[in-house]
Each structure stands twice: as C-alpha cells, then as structure tokens.
Amino acid sequence: MSSDKSDVSLIRFNGKNYSAWAFHFRIFVKGKEAWGHVDGSNPAPDKNKDKDQHAKWEVKDTQVMAWILGSIEPNIILNLRSSHTTSQMWTYLKKIYSQRNTARRF
C-alpha cells in the first residue's frame, strides 16, 4: 500500500482536464479492485446488520476518497467537503466538470 500515493499523482485534476483525469483515475481504481466504491455498485453494508463488514467497507471507501483528494488541486477539494462517500465525490466532479455538462461548455 505504500505506493498508492505516488500512483495517484500521475495526472492531477486542475478543473480543466476532467476527461483525461477521470480516464486515468478509473484505470487506477479498477486496478485496485475498488471501482464499485466510485460508481456506487458496491454500496455500504447495513451498519446495524454487520458492523464488521460496514467498518471494512468504510475503510476502503475512505481510502478511495483519499486517492481522489490526492489527485486534485487544493482549490477543488473544498467543494467536496459535503461528500460522505467516494460515489458522492465522483458524482459531483462528473456533474460539474464533465464536458457533457452543457453549462460547463459555455
């Protein structure tokens, strides 16, 4: 796990390179077998039913959030403070910075 930090820093998201950063980040996270945390296909287990599994999920999700935060410029990080999961962070960044966002084009 010691190489995780340096692996993420290959492309740094600056607010204008979303497409390249998202492509790179997707490959990185899939390689770590954690894409389900990003796209929401691996939701948190019910905390009341299985505290151990929930705790393990939360640790992994927090790790992926740290990868996101480590790969973006500091001025963008403040916009992610209200996100409590990796999926929420990813959804926000995609909504605001994706070139498919019509408002962003102008």
PDB file of N, CA and C in Angstrom:
ATOM      1  N   MET A   1       0.810  -1.189   0.000  1.00  0.00           N
ATOM      2  CA  MET A   1       0.000   0.000   0.000  1.00  0.00           C
ATOM      3  C   MET A   1       0.863   1.267   0.000  1.00  0.00           C
ATOM      4  N   SER A   2       2.147   1.137   0.222  1.00  0.00           N
ATOM      5  CA  SER A   2       2.992   2.318   0.302  1.00  0.00           C
ATOM      6  C   SER A   2       3.121   3.057  -1.020  1.00  0.00           C
ATOM      7  N   SER A   3       2.850   2.381  -2.129  1.00  0.00           N
ATOM      8  CA  SER A   3       2.987   3.040  -3.432  1.00  0.00           C
ATOM      9  C   SER A   3       1.703   3.723  -3.892  1.00  0.00           C
ATOM     10  N   ASP A   4       0.613   3.587  -3.121  1.00  0.00           N
ATOM     11  CA  ASP A   4      -0.667   4.150  -3.548  1.00  0.00           C
ATOM     12  C   ASP A   4      -0.595   5.650  -3.798  1.00  0.00           C
ATOM     13  N   LYS A   5       0.056   6.384  -2.911  1.00  0.00           N
ATOM     14  CA  LYS A   5       0.090   7.841  -3.047  1.00  0.00           C
ATOM     15  C   LYS A   5       0.788   8.259  -4.335  1.00  0.00           C
ATOM     16  N   SER A   6       1.912   7.652  -4.638  1.00  0.00           N
ATOM     17  CA  SER A   6       2.639   8.049  -5.843  1.00  0.00           C
ATOM     18  C   SER A   6       1.921   7.606  -7.113  1.00  0.00           C
ATOM     19  N   ASP A   7       1.183   6.524  -7.035  1.00  0.00           N
ATOM     20  CA  ASP A   7       0.443   6.064  -8.202  1.00  0.00           C
ATOM     21  C   ASP A   7      -0.624   7.065  -8.632  1.00  0.00           C
ATOM     22  N   VAL A   8      -1.282   7.704  -7.692  1.00  0.00           N
ATOM     23  CA  VAL A   8      -2.376   8.616  -7.991  1.00  0.00           C
ATOM     24  C   VAL A   8      -1.871   9.915  -8.599  1.00  0.00           C
ATOM     25  N   SER A   9      -0.676  10.322  -8.283  1.00  0.00           N
ATOM     26  CA  SER A   9      -0.214  11.640  -8.687  1.00  0.00           C
ATOM     27  C   SER A   9       0.232  11.731 -10.150  1.00  0.00           C
ATOM     28  N   LEU A  10       0.038  10.703 -10.937  1.00  0.00           N
ATOM     29  CA  LEU A  10       0.474  10.745 -12.326  1.00  0.00           C
ATOM     30  C   LEU A  10      -0.245  11.835 -13.119  1.00  0.00           C
ATOM     31  N   ILE A  11      -1.553  11.967 -12.941  1.00  0.00           N
ATOM     32  CA  ILE A  11      -2.306  13.062 -13.568  1.00  0.00           C
ATOM     33  C   ILE A  11      -3.059  13.774 -12.455  1.00  0.00           C
ATOM     34  N   ARG A  12      -2.888  15.079 -12.374  1.00  0.00           N
ATOM     35  CA  ARG A  12      -3.538  15.876 -11.327  1.00  0.00           C
ATOM     36  C   ARG A  12      -4.683  16.669 -11.954  1.00  0.00           C
ATOM     37  N   PHE A  13      -5.871  16.522 -11.372  1.00  0.00           N
ATOM     38  CA  PHE A  13      -7.045  17.222 -11.886  1.00  0.00           C
ATOM     39  C   PHE A  13      -6.984  18.689 -11.485  1.00  0.00           C
ATOM     40  N   ASN A  14      -7.075  19.566 -12.480  1.00  0.00           N
ATOM     41  CA  ASN A  14      -6.956  21.002 -12.227  1.00  0.00           C
ATOM     42  C   ASN A  14      -8.239  21.776 -12.535  1.00  0.00           C
ATOM     43  N   GLY A  15      -9.302  21.066 -12.865  1.00  0.00           N
ATOM     44  CA  GLY A  15     -10.567  21.728 -13.190  1.00  0.00           C
ATOM     45  C   GLY A  15     -10.796  21.855 -14.681  1.00  0.00           C
ATOM     46  N   LYS A  16      -9.749  21.655 -15.478  1.00  0.00           N
ATOM     47  CA  LYS A  16      -9.865  21.781 -16.932  1.00  0.00           C
ATOM     48  C   LYS A  16      -9.541  20.488 -17.663  1.00  0.00           C
ATOM     49  N   ASN A  17      -9.025  19.506 -16.975  1.00  0.00           N
ATOM     50  CA  ASN A  17      -8.608  18.257 -17.620  1.00  0.00           C
ATOM     51  C   ASN A  17      -9.410  17.063 -17.102  1.00  0.00           C
ATOM     52  N   TYR A  18     -10.701  17.277 -16.886  1.00  0.00           N
ATOM     53  CA  TYR A  18     -11.536  16.228 -16.294  1.00  0.00           C
ATOM     54  C   TYR A  18     -11.491  14.924 -17.089  1.00  0.00           C
ATOM     55  N   SER A  19     -11.635  14.991 -18.382  1.00  0.00           N
ATOM     56  CA  SER A  19     -11.703  13.788 -19.195  1.00  0.00           C
ATOM     57  C   SER A  19     -10.454  12.923 -19.044  1.00  0.00           C
ATOM     58  N   ALA A  20      -9.286  13.528 -19.154  1.00  0.00           N
ATOM     59  CA  ALA A  20      -8.034  12.786 -19.020  1.00  0.00           C
ATOM     60  C   ALA A  20      -7.854  12.264 -17.600  1.00  0.00           C
ATOM     61  N   TRP A  21      -8.159  13.114 -16.612  1.00  0.00           N
ATOM     62  CA  TRP A  21      -8.010  12.703 -15.222  1.00  0.00           C
ATOM     63  C   TRP A  21      -8.961  11.564 -14.891  1.00  0.00           C
ATOM     64  N   ALA A  22     -10.231  11.675 -15.290  1.00  0.00           N
ATOM     65  CA  ALA A  22     -11.228  10.647 -14.990  1.00  0.00           C
ATOM     66  C   ALA A  22     -10.843   9.318 -15.630  1.00  0.00           C
ATOM     67  N   PHE A  23     -10.351   9.365 -16.860  1.00  0.00           N
ATOM     68  CA  PHE A  23      -9.907   8.158 -17.558  1.00  0.00           C
ATOM     69  C   PHE A  23      -8.769   7.492 -16.782  1.00  0.00           C
ATOM     70  N   HIS A  24      -7.783   8.267 -16.408  1.00  0.00           N
ATOM     71  CA  HIS A  24      -6.634   7.757 -15.670  1.00  0.00           C
ATOM     72  C   HIS A  24      -7.053   7.235 -14.300  1.00  0.00           C
ATOM     73  N   PHE A  25      -7.887   7.998 -13.606  1.00  0.00           N
ATOM     74  CA  PHE A  25      -8.306   7.600 -12.263  1.00  0.00           C
ATOM     75  C   PHE A  25      -9.131   6.312 -12.307  1.00  0.00           C
ATOM     76  N   ARG A  26      -9.990   6.189 -13.319  1.00  0.00           N
ATOM     77  CA  ARG A  26     -10.808   4.983 -13.466  1.00  0.00           C
ATOM     78  C   ARG A  26      -9.914   3.754 -13.617  1.00  0.00           C
ATOM     79  N   ILE A  27      -8.899   3.847 -14.443  1.00  0.00           N
ATOM     80  CA  ILE A  27      -7.983   2.719 -14.642  1.00  0.00           C
ATOM     81  C   ILE A  27      -7.241   2.402 -13.338  1.00  0.00           C
ATOM     82  N   PHE A  28      -6.755   3.428 -12.662  1.00  0.00           N
ATOM     83  CA  PHE A  28      -6.047   3.240 -11.402  1.00  0.00           C
ATOM     84  C   PHE A  28      -6.917   2.509 -10.381  1.00  0.00           C
ATOM     85  N   VAL A  29      -8.154   2.977 -10.194  1.00  0.00           N
ATOM     86  CA  VAL A  29      -9.027   2.404  -9.172  1.00  0.00           C
ATOM     87  C   VAL A  29      -9.490   0.999  -9.558  1.00  0.00           C
ATOM     88  N   LYS A  30      -9.754   0.777 -10.828  1.00  0.00           N
ATOM     89  CA  LYS A  30     -10.108  -0.579 -11.252  1.00  0.00           C
ATOM     90  C   LYS A  30      -8.956  -1.536 -10.985  1.00  0.00           C
ATOM     91  N   GLY A  31      -7.744  -1.064 -11.174  1.00  0.00           N
ATOM     92  CA  GLY A  31      -6.565  -1.881 -10.885  1.00  0.00           C
ATOM     93  C   GLY A  31      -6.426  -2.217  -9.413  1.00  0.00           C
ATOM     94  N   LYS A  32      -7.022  -1.421  -8.567  1.00  0.00           N
ATOM     95  CA  LYS A  32      -7.013  -1.648  -7.119  1.00  0.00           C
ATOM     96  C   LYS A  32      -8.266  -2.399  -6.664  1.00  0.00           C
ATOM     97  N   GLU A  33      -9.091  -2.814  -7.624  1.00  0.00           N
ATOM     98  CA  GLU A  33     -10.339  -3.541  -7.365  1.00  0.00           C
ATOM     99  C   GLU A  33     -11.280  -2.765  -6.435  1.00  0.00           C
ATOM    100  N   ALA A  34     -11.393  -1.461  -6.699  1.00  0.00           N
ATOM    101  CA  ALA A  34     -12.226  -0.615  -5.844  1.00  0.00           C
ATOM    102  C   ALA A  34     -13.206   0.241  -6.636  1.00  0.00           C
ATOM    103  N   TRP A  35     -13.407  -0.056  -7.917  1.00  0.00           N
ATOM    104  CA  TRP A  35     -14.278   0.772  -8.749  1.00  0.00           C
ATOM    105  C   TRP A  35     -15.714   0.805  -8.229  1.00  0.00           C
ATOM    106  N   GLY A  36     -16.170  -0.237  -7.581  1.00  0.00           N
ATOM    107  CA  GLY A  36     -17.529  -0.267  -7.043  1.00  0.00           C
ATOM    108  C   GLY A  36     -17.800   0.839  -6.039  1.00  0.00           C
ATOM    109  N   HIS A  37     -16.772   1.303  -5.378  1.00  0.00           N
ATOM    110  CA  HIS A  37     -16.934   2.432  -4.448  1.00  0.00           C
ATOM    111  C   HIS A  37     -17.154   3.729  -5.217  1.00  0.00           C
ATOM    112  N   VAL A  38     -16.558   3.828  -6.381  1.00  0.00           N
ATOM    113  CA  VAL A  38     -16.660   5.052  -7.185  1.00  0.00           C
ATOM    114  C   VAL A  38     -18.008   5.122  -7.895  1.00  0.00           C
ATOM    115  N   ASP A  39     -18.375   4.055  -8.582  1.00  0.00           N
ATOM    116  CA  ASP A  39     -19.614   4.088  -9.371  1.00  0.00           C
ATOM    117  C   ASP A  39     -20.860   3.733  -8.567  1.00  0.00           C
ATOM    118  N   GLY A  40     -20.691   3.396  -7.293  1.00  0.00           N
ATOM    119  CA  GLY A  40     -21.832   3.108  -6.436  1.00  0.00           C
ATOM    120  C   GLY A  40     -22.339   1.683  -6.504  1.00  0.00           C
ATOM    121  N   SER A  41     -21.699   0.828  -7.288  1.00  0.00           N
ATOM    122  CA  SER A  41     -22.166  -0.556  -7.406  1.00  0.00           C
ATOM    123  C   SER A  41     -21.775  -1.407  -6.195  1.00  0.00           C
ATOM    124  N   ASN A  42     -20.947  -0.867  -5.324  1.00  0.00           N
ATOM    125  CA  ASN A  42     -20.600  -1.549  -4.074  1.00  0.00           C
ATOM    126  C   ASN A  42     -21.035  -0.652  -2.914  1.00  0.00           C
ATOM    127  N   PRO A  43     -22.338  -0.628  -2.620  1.00  0.00           N
ATOM    128  CA  PRO A  43     -22.835   0.253  -1.565  1.00  0.00           C
ATOM    129  C   PRO A  43     -22.423  -0.248  -0.176  1.00  0.00           C
ATOM    130  N   ALA A  44     -22.518   0.619   0.792  1.00  0.00           N
ATOM    131  CA  ALA A  44     -22.159   0.266   2.167  1.00  0.00           C
ATOM    132  C   ALA A  44     -23.099  -0.798   2.706  1.00  0.00           C
ATOM    133  N   PRO A  45     -22.542  -1.816   3.353  1.00  0.00           N
ATOM    134  CA  PRO A  45     -23.404  -2.803   4.025  1.00  0.00           C
ATOM    135  C   PRO A  45     -24.145  -2.129   5.181  1.00  0.00           C
ATOM    136  N   ASP A  46     -25.276  -2.694   5.549  1.00  0.00           N
ATOM    137  CA  ASP A  46     -26.075  -2.149   6.644  1.00  0.00           C
ATOM    138  C   ASP A  46     -25.275  -2.209   7.944  1.00  0.00           C
ATOM    139  N   LYS A  47     -25.056  -1.058   8.531  1.00  0.00           N
ATOM    140  CA  LYS A  47     -24.247  -0.966   9.751  1.00  0.00           C
ATOM    141  C   LYS A  47     -24.886  -1.726  10.905  1.00  0.00           C
ATOM    142  N   ASN A  48     -26.208  -1.757  10.943  1.00  0.00           N
ATOM    143  CA  ASN A  48     -26.921  -2.432  12.033  1.00  0.00           C
ATOM    144  C   ASN A  48     -26.898  -3.951  11.894  1.00  0.00           C
ATOM    145  N   LYS A  49     -26.729  -4.453  10.685  1.00  0.00           N
ATOM    146  CA  LYS A  49     -26.734  -5.903  10.466  1.00  0.00           C
ATOM    147  C   LYS A  49     -25.338  -6.516  10.543  1.00  0.00           C
ATOM    148  N   ASP A  50     -24.333  -5.787  10.094  1.00  0.00           N
ATOM    149  CA  ASP A  50     -22.979  -6.336  10.079  1.00  0.00           C
ATOM    150  C   ASP A  50     -21.960  -5.213  10.272  1.00  0.00           C
ATOM    151  N   LYS A  51     -21.670  -4.937  11.522  1.00  0.00           N
ATOM    152  CA  LYS A  51     -20.770  -3.824  11.839  1.00  0.00           C
ATOM    153  C   LYS A  51     -19.366  -4.051  11.284  1.00  0.00           C
ATOM    154  N   ASP A  52     -18.891  -5.282  11.305  1.00  0.00           N
ATOM    155  CA  ASP A  52     -17.538  -5.566  10.814  1.00  0.00           C
ATOM    156  C   ASP A  52     -17.424  -5.311   9.315  1.00  0.00           C
ATOM    157  N   GLN A  53     -18.384  -5.802   8.545  1.00  0.00           N
ATOM    158  CA  GLN A  53     -18.352  -5.582   7.099  1.00  0.00           C
ATOM    159  C   GLN A  53     -18.513  -4.106   6.763  1.00  0.00           C
ATOM    160  N   HIS A  54     -19.363  -3.423   7.512  1.00  0.00           N
ATOM    161  CA  HIS A  54     -19.544  -1.984   7.287  1.00  0.00           C
ATOM    162  C   HIS A  54     -18.245  -1.246   7.576  1.00  0.00           C
ATOM    163  N   ALA A  55     -17.571  -1.615   8.650  1.00  0.00           N
ATOM    164  CA  ALA A  55     -16.313  -0.953   9.009  1.00  0.00           C
ATOM    165  C   ALA A  55     -15.249  -1.185   7.935  1.00  0.00           C
ATOM    166  N   LYS A  56     -15.170  -2.407   7.401  1.00  0.00           N
ATOM    167  CA  LYS A  56     -14.206  -2.708   6.333  1.00  0.00           C
ATOM    168  C   LYS A  56     -14.537  -1.909   5.075  1.00  0.00           C
ATOM    169  N   TRP A  57     -15.827  -1.841   4.745  1.00  0.00           N
ATOM    170  CA  TRP A  57     -16.260  -1.073   3.564  1.00  0.00           C
ATOM    171  C   TRP A  57     -15.892   0.401   3.748  1.00  0.00           C
ATOM    172  N   GLU A  58     -16.135   0.927   4.943  1.00  0.00           N
ATOM    173  CA  GLU A  58     -15.875   2.340   5.207  1.00  0.00           C
ATOM    174  C   GLU A  58     -14.381   2.665   5.098  1.00  0.00           C
ATOM    175  N   VAL A  59     -13.531   1.762   5.547  1.00  0.00           N
ATOM    176  CA  VAL A  59     -12.085   1.969   5.432  1.00  0.00           C
ATOM    177  C   VAL A  59     -11.683   2.024   3.962  1.00  0.00           C
ATOM    178  N   LYS A  60     -12.191   1.086   3.160  1.00  0.00           N
ATOM    179  CA  LYS A  60     -11.854   1.066   1.727  1.00  0.00           C
ATOM    180  C   LYS A  60     -12.396   2.312   1.036  1.00  0.00           C
ATOM    181  N   ASP A  61     -13.624   2.709   1.360  1.00  0.00           N
ATOM    182  CA  ASP A  61     -14.213   3.885   0.740  1.00  0.00           C
ATOM    183  C   ASP A  61     -13.416   5.136   1.096  1.00  0.00           C
ATOM    184  N   THR A  62     -12.987   5.229   2.324  1.00  0.00           N
ATOM    185  CA  THR A  62     -12.188   6.373   2.759  1.00  0.00           C
ATOM    186  C   THR A  62     -10.841   6.388   2.044  1.00  0.00           C
ATOM    187  N   GLN A  63     -10.291   5.214   1.807  1.00  0.00           N
ATOM    188  CA  GLN A  63      -9.028   5.121   1.073  1.00  0.00           C
ATOM    189  C   GLN A  63      -9.198   5.663  -0.351  1.00  0.00           C
ATOM    190  N   VAL A  64     -10.282   5.295  -1.011  1.00  0.00           N
ATOM    191  CA  VAL A  64     -10.521   5.775  -2.373  1.00  0.00           C
ATOM    192  C   VAL A  64     -10.790   7.280  -2.374  1.00  0.00           C
ATOM    193  N   MET A  65     -11.504   7.775  -1.361  1.00  0.00           N
ATOM    194  CA  MET A  65     -11.705   9.224  -1.257  1.00  0.00           C
ATOM    195  C   MET A  65     -10.358   9.929  -1.116  1.00  0.00           C
ATOM    196  N   ALA A  66      -9.458   9.351  -0.351  1.00  0.00           N
ATOM    197  CA  ALA A  66      -8.125   9.949  -0.192  1.00  0.00           C
ATOM    198  C   ALA A  66      -7.380   9.958  -1.526  1.00  0.00           C
ATOM    199  N   TRP A  67      -7.568   8.920  -2.340  1.00  0.00           N
ATOM    200  CA  TRP A  67      -6.947   8.892  -3.671  1.00  0.00           C
ATOM    201  C   TRP A  67      -7.486  10.037  -4.525  1.00  0.00           C
ATOM    202  N   ILE A  68      -8.799  10.256  -4.453  1.00  0.00           N
ATOM    203  CA  ILE A  68      -9.382  11.368  -5.209  1.00  0.00           C
ATOM    204  C   ILE A  68      -8.784  12.689  -4.721  1.00  0.00           C
ATOM    205  N   LEU A  69      -8.812  12.905  -3.417  1.00  0.00           N
ATOM    206  CA  LEU A  69      -8.315  14.160  -2.864  1.00  0.00           C
ATOM    207  C   LEU A  69      -6.832  14.366  -3.159  1.00  0.00           C
ATOM    208  N   GLY A  70      -6.083  13.280  -3.223  1.00  0.00           N
ATOM    209  CA  GLY A  70      -4.662  13.369  -3.529  1.00  0.00           C
ATOM    210  C   GLY A  70      -4.357  13.616  -4.985  1.00  0.00           C
ATOM    211  N   SER A  71      -5.385  13.504  -5.827  1.00  0.00           N
ATOM    212  CA  SER A  71      -5.151  13.659  -7.263  1.00  0.00           C
ATOM    213  C   SER A  71      -5.813  14.902  -7.851  1.00  0.00           C
ATOM    214  N   ILE A  72      -6.308  15.790  -6.986  1.00  0.00           N
ATOM    215  CA  ILE A  72      -6.932  17.013  -7.481  1.00  0.00           C
ATOM    216  C   ILE A  72      -6.291  18.239  -6.820  1.00  0.00           C
ATOM    217  N   GLU A  73      -6.431  19.362  -7.477  1.00  0.00           N
ATOM    218  CA  GLU A  73      -5.871  20.619  -6.975  1.00  0.00           C
ATOM    219  C   GLU A  73      -6.597  21.046  -5.690  1.00  0.00           C
ATOM    220  N   PRO A  74      -5.870  21.662  -4.762  1.00  0.00           N
ATOM    221  CA  PRO A  74      -6.452  22.059  -3.477  1.00  0.00           C
ATOM    222  C   PRO A  74      -7.693  22.949  -3.585  1.00  0.00           C
ATOM    223  N   ASN A  75      -7.766  23.811  -4.586  1.00  0.00           N
ATOM    224  CA  ASN A  75      -8.925  24.704  -4.694  1.00  0.00           C
ATOM    225  C   ASN A  75     -10.212  23.950  -5.029  1.00  0.00           C
ATOM    226  N   ILE A  76     -10.108  22.739  -5.531  1.00  0.00           N
ATOM    227  CA  ILE A  76     -11.295  21.937  -5.848  1.00  0.00           C
ATOM    228  C   ILE A  76     -11.734  21.123  -4.637  1.00  0.00           C
ATOM    229  N   ILE A  77     -10.803  20.806  -3.769  1.00  0.00           N
ATOM    230  CA  ILE A  77     -11.093  19.963  -2.607  1.00  0.00           C
ATOM    231  C   ILE A  77     -12.201  20.552  -1.740  1.00  0.00           C
ATOM    232  N   LEU A  78     -12.198  21.851  -1.545  1.00  0.00           N
ATOM    233  CA  LEU A  78     -13.207  22.473  -0.685  1.00  0.00           C
ATOM    234  C   LEU A  78     -14.627  22.197  -1.164  1.00  0.00           C
ATOM    235  N   ASN A  79     -14.817  22.041  -2.455  1.00  0.00           N
ATOM    236  CA  ASN A  79     -16.146  21.761  -2.998  1.00  0.00           C
ATOM    237  C   ASN A  79     -16.632  20.360  -2.646  1.00  0.00           C
ATOM    238  N   LEU A  80     -15.750  19.507  -2.186  1.00  0.00           N
ATOM    239  CA  LEU A  80     -16.103  18.118  -1.895  1.00  0.00           C
ATOM    240  C   LEU A  80     -16.363  17.862  -0.418  1.00  0.00           C
ATOM    241  N   ARG A  81     -16.302  18.888   0.402  1.00  0.00           N
ATOM    242  CA  ARG A  81     -16.452  18.714   1.854  1.00  0.00           C
ATOM    243  C   ARG A  81     -17.768  18.070   2.250  1.00  0.00           C
ATOM    244  N   SER A  82     -18.824  18.308   1.521  1.00  0.00           N
ATOM    245  CA  SER A  82     -20.131  17.747   1.892  1.00  0.00           C
ATOM    246  C   SER A  82     -20.294  16.298   1.441  1.00  0.00           C
ATOM    247  N   SER A  83     -19.351  15.770   0.691  1.00  0.00           N
ATOM    248  CA  SER A  83     -19.424  14.381   0.230  1.00  0.00           C
ATOM    249  C   SER A  83     -18.999  13.440   1.352  1.00  0.00           C
ATOM    250  N   HIS A  84     -19.818  12.423   1.587  1.00  0.00           N
ATOM    251  CA  HIS A  84     -19.524  11.465   2.651  1.00  0.00           C
ATOM    252  C   HIS A  84     -19.051  10.125   2.114  1.00  0.00           C
ATOM    253  N   THR A  85     -19.154   9.941   0.793  1.00  0.00           N
ATOM    254  CA  THR A  85     -18.694   8.692   0.181  1.00  0.00           C
ATOM    255  C   THR A  85     -17.930   9.011  -1.100  1.00  0.00           C
ATOM    256  N   THR A  86     -17.178   8.036  -1.552  1.00  0.00           N
ATOM    257  CA  THR A  86     -16.457   8.174  -2.810  1.00  0.00           C
ATOM    258  C   THR A  86     -17.427   8.430  -3.951  1.00  0.00           C
ATOM    259  N   SER A  87     -18.525   7.684  -3.965  1.00  0.00           N
ATOM    260  CA  SER A  87     -19.512   7.819  -5.034  1.00  0.00           C
ATOM    261  C   SER A  87     -20.069   9.244  -5.098  1.00  0.00           C
ATOM    262  N   GLN A  88     -20.313   9.857  -3.963  1.00  0.00           N
ATOM    263  CA  GLN A  88     -20.808  11.234  -3.939  1.00  0.00           C
ATOM    264  C   GLN A  88     -19.771  12.194  -4.513  1.00  0.00           C
ATOM    265  N   MET A  89     -18.503  11.975  -4.177  1.00  0.00           N
ATOM    266  CA  MET A  89     -17.437  12.822  -4.724  1.00  0.00           C
ATOM    267  C   MET A  89     -17.375  12.689  -6.236  1.00  0.00           C
ATOM    268  N   TRP A  90     -17.368  11.450  -6.714  1.00  0.00           N
ATOM    269  CA  TRP A  90     -17.259  11.190  -8.152  1.00  0.00           C
ATOM    270  C   TRP A  90     -18.432  11.814  -8.896  1.00  0.00           C
ATOM    271  N   THR A  91     -19.633  11.634  -8.365  1.00  0.00           N
ATOM    272  CA  THR A  91     -20.834  12.174  -8.999  1.00  0.00           C
ATOM    273  C   THR A  91     -20.755  13.694  -9.082  1.00  0.00           C
ATOM    274  N   TYR A  92     -20.307  14.336  -8.025  1.00  0.00           N
ATOM    275  CA  TYR A  92     -20.175  15.797  -8.021  1.00  0.00           C
ATOM    276  C   TYR A  92     -19.176  16.249  -9.083  1.00  0.00           C
ATOM    277  N   LEU A  93     -18.000  15.639  -9.093  1.00  0.00           N
ATOM    278  CA  LEU A  93     -16.966  16.044 -10.055  1.00  0.00           C
ATOM    279  C   LEU A  93     -17.433  15.832 -11.490  1.00  0.00           C
ATOM    280  N   LYS A  94     -18.087  14.716 -11.725  1.00  0.00           N
ATOM    281  CA  LYS A  94     -18.585  14.429 -13.073  1.00  0.00           C
ATOM    282  C   LYS A  94     -19.648  15.453 -13.483  1.00  0.00           C
ATOM    283  N   LYS A  95     -20.546  15.770 -12.571  1.00  0.00           N
ATOM    284  CA  LYS A  95     -21.620  16.713 -12.873  1.00  0.00           C
ATOM    285  C   LYS A  95     -21.065  18.106 -13.190  1.00  0.00           C
ATOM    286  N   ILE A  96     -20.102  18.547 -12.425  1.00  0.00           N
ATOM    287  CA  ILE A  96     -19.583  19.903 -12.569  1.00  0.00           C
ATOM    288  C   ILE A  96     -18.564  20.037 -13.693  1.00  0.00           C
ATOM    289  N   TYR A  97     -17.712  19.047 -13.876  1.00  0.00           N
ATOM    290  CA  TYR A  97     -16.574  19.208 -14.774  1.00  0.00           C
ATOM    291  C   TYR A  97     -16.619  18.405 -16.067  1.00  0.00           C
ATOM    292  N   SER A  98     -17.549  17.478 -16.192  1.00  0.00           N
ATOM    293  CA  SER A  98     -17.627  16.680 -17.409  1.00  0.00           C
ATOM    294  C   SER A  98     -17.974  17.555 -18.602  1.00  0.00           C
ATOM    295  N   GLN A  99     -17.347  17.292 -19.726  1.00  0.00           N
ATOM    296  CA  GLN A  99     -17.617  18.072 -20.944  1.00  0.00           C
ATOM    297  C   GLN A  99     -19.035  17.861 -21.442  1.00  0.00           C
ATOM    298  N   ARG A 100     -19.690  16.825 -20.976  1.00  0.00           N
ATOM    299  CA  ARG A 100     -21.091  16.616 -21.363  1.00  0.00           C
ATOM    300  C   ARG A 100     -22.025  17.560 -20.642  1.00  0.00           C
ATOM    301  N   ASN A 101     -21.505  18.225 -19.635  1.00  0.00           N
ATOM    302  CA  ASN A 101     -22.284  19.196 -18.892  1.00  0.00           C
ATOM    303  C   ASN A 101     -22.437  20.447 -19.764  1.00  0.00           C
ATOM    304  N   THR A 102     -23.624  20.689 -20.256  1.00  0.00           N
ATOM    305  CA  THR A 102     -23.853  21.777 -21.207  1.00  0.00           C
ATOM    306  C   THR A 102     -23.451  23.143 -20.639  1.00  0.00           C
ATOM    307  N   ALA A 103     -23.744  23.376 -19.386  1.00  0.00           N
ATOM    308  CA  ALA A 103     -23.402  24.665 -18.797  1.00  0.00           C
ATOM    309  C   ALA A 103     -21.885  24.856 -18.755  1.00  0.00           C
ATOM    310  N   ARG A 104     -21.153  23.811 -18.586  1.00  0.00           N
ATOM    311  CA  ARG A 104     -19.685  23.879 -18.482  1.00  0.00           C
ATOM    312  C   ARG A 104     -19.079  24.311 -19.820  1.00  0.00           C
ATOM    313  N   ARG A 105     -19.725  23.945 -20.920  1.00  0.00           N
ATOM    314  CA  ARG A 105     -19.195  24.256 -22.257  1.00  0.00           C
ATOM    315  C   ARG A 105     -19.121  25.757 -22.505  1.00  0.00           C
ATOM    316  N   PHE A 106     -19.986  26.523 -21.845  1.00  0.00           N
ATOM    317  CA  PHE A 106     -20.042  27.962 -22.097  1.00  0.00           C
ATOM    318  C   PHE A 106     -19.310  28.673 -21.058  1.00  0.00           C
TER     319      PHE A 106
END
